C-alpha atoms as a PDB file:
ATOM      1  CA  MET A   1       0.000   0.000   0.000  1.00  0.00           C
ATOM      2  CA  LYS A   2       2.853   2.371   0.821  1.00  0.00           C
ATOM      3  CA  LEU A   3       4.402   1.689  -2.575  1.00  0.00           C
ATOM      4  CA  ARG A   4       1.134   2.566  -4.307  1.00  0.00           C
ATOM      5  CA  LYS A   5       0.855   5.863  -2.393  1.00  0.00           C
ATOM      6  CA  LEU A   6       4.453   6.695  -3.248  1.00  0.00           C
ATOM      7  CA  PHE A   7       3.825   5.888  -6.902  1.00  0.00           C
ATOM      8  CA  VAL A   8       0.706   8.100  -7.039  1.00  0.00           C
ATOM      9  CA  PHE A   9       2.548  10.942  -5.295  1.00  0.00           C
ATOM     10  CA  VAL A  10       5.509  10.719  -7.703  1.00  0.00           C
ATOM     11  CA  LEU A  11       3.150  10.490 -10.708  1.00  0.00           C
ATOM     12  CA  PHE A  12       1.219  13.603  -9.679  1.00  0.00           C
ATOM     13  CA  THR A  13       4.449  15.451  -8.928  1.00  0.00           C
ATOM     14  CA  PHE A  14       5.817  14.711 -12.386  1.00  0.00           C
ATOM     15  CA  MET A  15       2.530  15.696 -13.996  1.00  0.00           C
ATOM     16  CA  ALA A  16       2.631  19.099 -12.319  1.00  0.00           C
ATOM     17  CA  ALA A  17       6.338  19.710 -13.056  1.00  0.00           C
ATOM     18  CA  PRO A  18       6.014  20.913 -16.698  1.00  0.00           C
ATOM     19  CA  GLY A  19       3.999  23.877 -15.455  1.00  0.00           C
ATOM     20  CA  PHE A  20       7.077  25.178 -13.635  1.00  0.00           C
ATOM     21  CA  ALA A  21       9.503  24.691 -16.508  1.00  0.00           C
ATOM     22  CA  ASP A  22       8.909  28.028 -18.232  1.00  0.00           C
ATOM     23  CA  HIS A  23       8.696  31.652 -17.167  1.00  0.00           C
ATOM     24  CA  GLN A  24       5.206  32.167 -15.811  1.00  0.00           C
ATOM     25  CA  ASN A  25       3.143  35.241 -16.547  1.00  0.00           C
ATOM     26  CA  VAL A  26       0.350  33.945 -14.317  1.00  0.00           C
ATOM     27  CA  GLU A  27       0.969  33.782 -10.597  1.00  0.00           C
ATOM     28  CA  GLY A  28       0.120  30.338  -9.267  1.00  0.00           C
ATOM     29  CA  ASP A  29      -0.370  29.474  -5.634  1.00  0.00           C
ATOM     30  CA  SER A  30      -0.560  26.143  -3.859  1.00  0.00           C
ATOM     31  CA  TYR A  31      -4.232  25.712  -4.705  1.00  0.00           C
ATOM     32  CA  ASP A  32      -3.430  25.951  -8.406  1.00  0.00           C
ATOM     33  CA  VAL A  33      -0.784  23.273  -8.009  1.00  0.00           C
ATOM     34  CA  MET A  34      -3.254  20.988  -6.269  1.00  0.00           C
ATOM     35  CA  ILE A  35      -5.868  21.554  -8.963  1.00  0.00           C
ATOM     36  CA  ASP A  36      -3.216  20.918 -11.637  1.00  0.00           C
ATOM     37  CA  MET A  37      -2.407  17.590  -9.997  1.00  0.00           C
ATOM     38  CA  ILE A  38      -5.955  16.559 -10.847  1.00  0.00           C
ATOM     39  CA  LEU A  39      -6.338  18.317 -14.189  1.00  0.00           C
ATOM     40  CA  ARG A  40      -3.091  17.203 -15.815  1.00  0.00           C
ATOM     41  CA  PRO A  41      -3.988  13.476 -15.772  1.00  0.00           C
ATOM     42  CA  VAL A  42      -7.397  14.477 -17.138  1.00  0.00           C
ATOM     43  CA  GLY A  43      -5.534  16.309 -19.918  1.00  0.00           C
ATOM     44  CA  ILE A  44      -3.505  13.185 -20.690  1.00  0.00           C
ATOM     45  CA  ALA A  45      -6.709  11.181 -20.931  1.00  0.00           C
ATOM     46  CA  ALA A  46      -8.235  13.839 -23.196  1.00  0.00           C
ATOM     47  CA  THR A  47      -5.163  13.707 -25.443  1.00  0.00           C
ATOM     48  CA  LEU A  48      -5.322   9.908 -25.733  1.00  0.00           C
ATOM     49  CA  ILE A  49      -9.071   9.902 -26.355  1.00  0.00           C
ATOM     50  CA  GLY A  50      -8.641  12.678 -28.922  1.00  0.00           C
ATOM     51  CA  ALA A  51      -5.971  10.664 -30.729  1.00  0.00           C
ATOM     52  CA  GLY A  52      -8.330   7.677 -30.881  1.00  0.00           C
ATOM     53  CA  VAL A  53     -11.199   9.809 -32.153  1.00  0.00           C
ATOM     54  CA  TYR A  54      -8.846  11.369 -34.720  1.00  0.00           C
ATOM     55  CA  VAL A  55      -8.003   7.932 -36.107  1.00  0.00           C
ATOM     56  CA  GLY A  56     -11.653   6.870 -36.078  1.00  0.00           C
ATOM     57  CA  VAL A  57     -12.923  10.005 -37.826  1.00  0.00           C
ATOM     58  CA  SER A  58     -10.135  10.090 -40.440  1.00  0.00           C
ATOM     59  CA  PRO A  59     -12.298   8.659 -43.270  1.00  0.00           C
ATOM     60  CA  LEU A  60     -14.912  11.362 -42.723  1.00  0.00           C
ATOM     61  CA  THR A  61     -12.183  13.967 -42.482  1.00  0.00           C
ATOM     62  CA  ALA A  62     -10.804  12.788 -45.822  1.00  0.00           C
ATOM     63  CA  ILE A  63     -14.196  13.475 -47.380  1.00  0.00           C
ATOM     64  CA  ALA A  64     -14.280  16.911 -45.736  1.00  0.00           C
ATOM     65  CA  THR A  65     -10.835  17.663 -47.154  1.00  0.00           C
ATOM     66  CA  ILE A  66     -12.026  17.430 -50.771  1.00  0.00           C
ATOM     67  CA  PRO A  67     -13.342  21.013 -51.106  1.00  0.00           C
ATOM     68  CA  ARG A  68     -11.028  23.948 -50.625  1.00  0.00           C
ATOM     69  CA  PRO A  69      -9.155  25.000 -48.431  1.00  0.00           C
ATOM     70  CA  HIS A  70      -8.077  21.329 -47.900  1.00  0.00           C
ATOM     71  CA  ASP A  71      -7.188  21.769 -44.226  1.00  0.00           C
ATOM     72  CA  ALA A  72      -9.684  19.539 -42.424  1.00  0.00           C
ATOM     73  CA  PHE A  73      -6.989  17.178 -41.095  1.00  0.00           C
ATOM     74  CA  GLU A  74      -4.953  20.055 -39.653  1.00  0.00           C
ATOM     75  CA  LYS A  75      -7.988  21.647 -37.997  1.00  0.00           C
ATOM     76  CA  LEU A  76      -9.172  18.350 -36.531  1.00  0.00           C
ATOM     77  CA  ALA A  77      -5.739  17.410 -35.201  1.00  0.00           C
ATOM     78  CA  ASP A  78      -5.270  20.875 -33.751  1.00  0.00           C
ATOM     79  CA  THR A  79      -8.638  20.772 -31.983  1.00  0.00           C
ATOM     80  CA  ILE A  80      -8.792  17.270 -30.513  1.00  0.00           C
ATOM     81  CA  VAL A  81      -5.143  16.200 -30.168  1.00  0.00           C
ATOM     82  CA  CYS A  82      -2.750  19.150 -30.107  1.00  0.00           C
ATOM     83  CA  LYS A  83      -4.636  21.574 -27.859  1.00  0.00           C
ATOM     84  CA  PRO A  84      -5.194  19.005 -25.083  1.00  0.00           C
ATOM     85  CA  PHE A  85      -1.540  17.957 -25.384  1.00  0.00           C
ATOM     86  CA  LYS A  86      -0.258  21.522 -25.047  1.00  0.00           C
ATOM     87  CA  TRP A  87      -2.792  22.266 -22.299  1.00  0.00           C
ATOM     88  CA  THR A  88      -1.470  19.258 -20.368  1.00  0.00           C
ATOM     89  CA  PHE A  89       2.277  19.532 -20.885  1.00  0.00           C
ATOM     90  CA  MET A  90       3.084  23.155 -21.785  1.00  0.00           C
ATOM     91  CA  ARG A  91       0.576  25.212 -19.819  1.00  0.00           C
ATOM     92  CA  PRO A  92       1.940  27.165 -16.869  1.00  0.00           C
ATOM     93  CA  SER A  93       0.480  26.202 -13.523  1.00  0.00           C
ATOM     94  CA  GLY A  94      -2.627  28.241 -12.741  1.00  0.00           C
ATOM     95  CA  ASP A  95      -3.266  29.424 -16.310  1.00  0.00           C
ATOM     96  CA  TYR A  96      -6.599  27.795 -17.073  1.00  0.00           C
ATOM     97  CA  ARG A  97      -7.336  29.921 -20.146  1.00  0.00           C
ATOM     98  CA  TYR A  98      -4.387  28.519 -22.080  1.00  0.00           C
ATOM     99  CA  ASN A  99      -5.623  27.967 -25.640  1.00  0.00           C
ATOM    100  CA  GLU A 100      -2.568  27.570 -27.832  1.00  0.00           C
ATOM    101  CA  GLY A 101      -2.815  25.167 -30.737  1.00  0.00           C
ATOM    102  CA  CYS A 102      -0.362  23.606 -33.151  1.00  0.00           C
ATOM    103  CA  ALA A 103      -1.884  24.759 -36.437  1.00  0.00           C
ATOM    104  CA  ARG A 104       0.630  26.282 -38.770  1.00  0.00           C
ATOM    105  CA  LYS A 105      -0.216  29.456 -40.581  1.00  0.00           C
ATOM    106  CA  ALA A 106      -1.563  28.454 -43.949  1.00  0.00           C
ATOM    107  CA  HIS A 107       0.210  29.899 -46.919  1.00  0.00           C
ATOM    108  CA  THR A 108      -1.882  30.547 -49.970  1.00  0.00           C
ATOM    109  CA  VAL A 109      -0.860  28.257 -52.762  1.00  0.00           C
ATOM    110  CA  VAL A 110      -1.168  29.797 -56.176  1.00  0.00           C
ATOM    111  CA  TYR A 111      -1.651  27.348 -59.005  1.00  0.00           C
ATOM    112  CA  GLN A 112       1.069  27.651 -61.574  1.00  0.00           C
ATOM    113  CA  PRO A 113       1.078  25.353 -64.571  1.00  0.00           C
ATOM    114  CA  ALA A 114       4.220  23.380 -65.105  1.00  0.00           C
ATOM    115  CA  PRO A 115       6.575  24.897 -67.659  1.00  0.00           C
ATOM    116  CA  VAL A 116       6.550  23.248 -71.051  1.00  0.00           C
ATOM    117  CA  ALA A 117       9.722  21.300 -71.584  1.00  0.00           C
ATOM    118  CA  VAL A 118      11.505  22.240 -74.783  1.00  0.00           C
ATOM    119  CA  PRO A 119      13.753  19.480 -76.106  1.00  0.00           C
ATOM    120  CA  PRO A 120      17.346  20.546 -76.511  1.00  0.00           C
ATOM    121  CA  ARG A 121      18.577  21.277 -79.993  1.00  0.00           C
ATOM    122  CA  PRO A 122      20.991  18.721 -81.363  1.00  0.00           C
ATOM    123  CA  VAL A 123      24.523  19.974 -81.498  1.00  0.00           C
ATOM    124  CA  VAL A 124      26.060  19.543 -84.902  1.00  0.00           C
ATOM    125  CA  ALA A 125      29.798  19.247 -84.568  1.00  0.00           C
ATOM    126  CA  GLU A 126      31.961  20.576 -87.310  1.00  0.00           C
ATOM    127  CA  PRO A 127      34.581  18.222 -88.628  1.00  0.00           C
ATOM    128  CA  ALA A 128      37.746  18.340 -86.607  1.00  0.00           C
ATOM    129  CA  VAL A 129      39.886  18.514 -89.716  1.00  0.00           C
ATOM    130  CA  THR A 130      39.083  20.794 -92.642  1.00  0.00           C
ATOM    131  CA  PRO A 131      39.061  19.370 -96.212  1.00  0.00           C
ATOM    132  CA  ASP A 132      42.276  21.205 -97.182  1.00  0.00           C
ATOM    133  CA  VAL A 133      44.145  19.514 -94.373  1.00  0.00           C
ATOM    134  CA  ASN A 134      42.719  16.141 -95.477  1.00  0.00           C
ATOM    135  CA  LYS A 135      44.156  16.632 -98.943  1.00  0.00           C
ATOM    136  CA  LYS A 136      47.559  17.452 -97.485  1.00  0.00           C
ATOM    137  CA  ILE A 137      47.469  14.387 -95.235  1.00  0.00           C
ATOM    138  CA  ASP A 138      46.485  12.170 -98.202  1.00  0.00           C
ATOM    139  CA  ALA A 139      49.378  13.538-100.265  1.00  0.00           C
ATOM    140  CA  ILE A 140      51.870  12.884 -97.448  1.00  0.00           C
ATOM    141  CA  PHE A 141      50.437   9.368 -96.980  1.00  0.00           C
ATOM    142  CA  LYS A 142      50.789   8.559-100.697  1.00  0.00           C
ATOM    143  CA  ARG A 143      54.361   9.843-100.802  1.00  0.00           C
ATOM    144  CA  GLU A 144      55.328   7.755 -97.797  1.00  0.00           C
ATOM    145  CA  MET A 145      53.656   4.634 -99.193  1.00  0.00           C
ATOM    146  CA  MET A 146      55.438   4.969-102.549  1.00  0.00           C
ATOM    147  CA  LYS A 147      58.890   4.894-101.015  1.00  0.00           C
END
């Protein structure tokens, strides 16, 4: 029984610790810490349930992604997975209005047709030796062969 109490105490202590990791703009007192010891495990459960719902609703989300702006997956993940995760692990202790999500700012994508590929022109190489030089080489060859 003592081991179970120690485990629960250590678990709650670790769940409340991320709230003290950053500079806090909100002043938290001991009551906020006690409330966070209850709310942080609830936030973990909400994150896990949200991840399961996200997987289960993915086929419907795929249908909702068809019309523009094609961001249904991002909005759904931000709402039911990312916000509970950040509320649980990144929220300062005592700040119960923390509402930061993970959604990236969408950049407008302008459709631009692909450039038409123009095949390269064949390179016509000029003969390495000009005809006058060929005649001179032939004359030298004949003279040498006649010797």
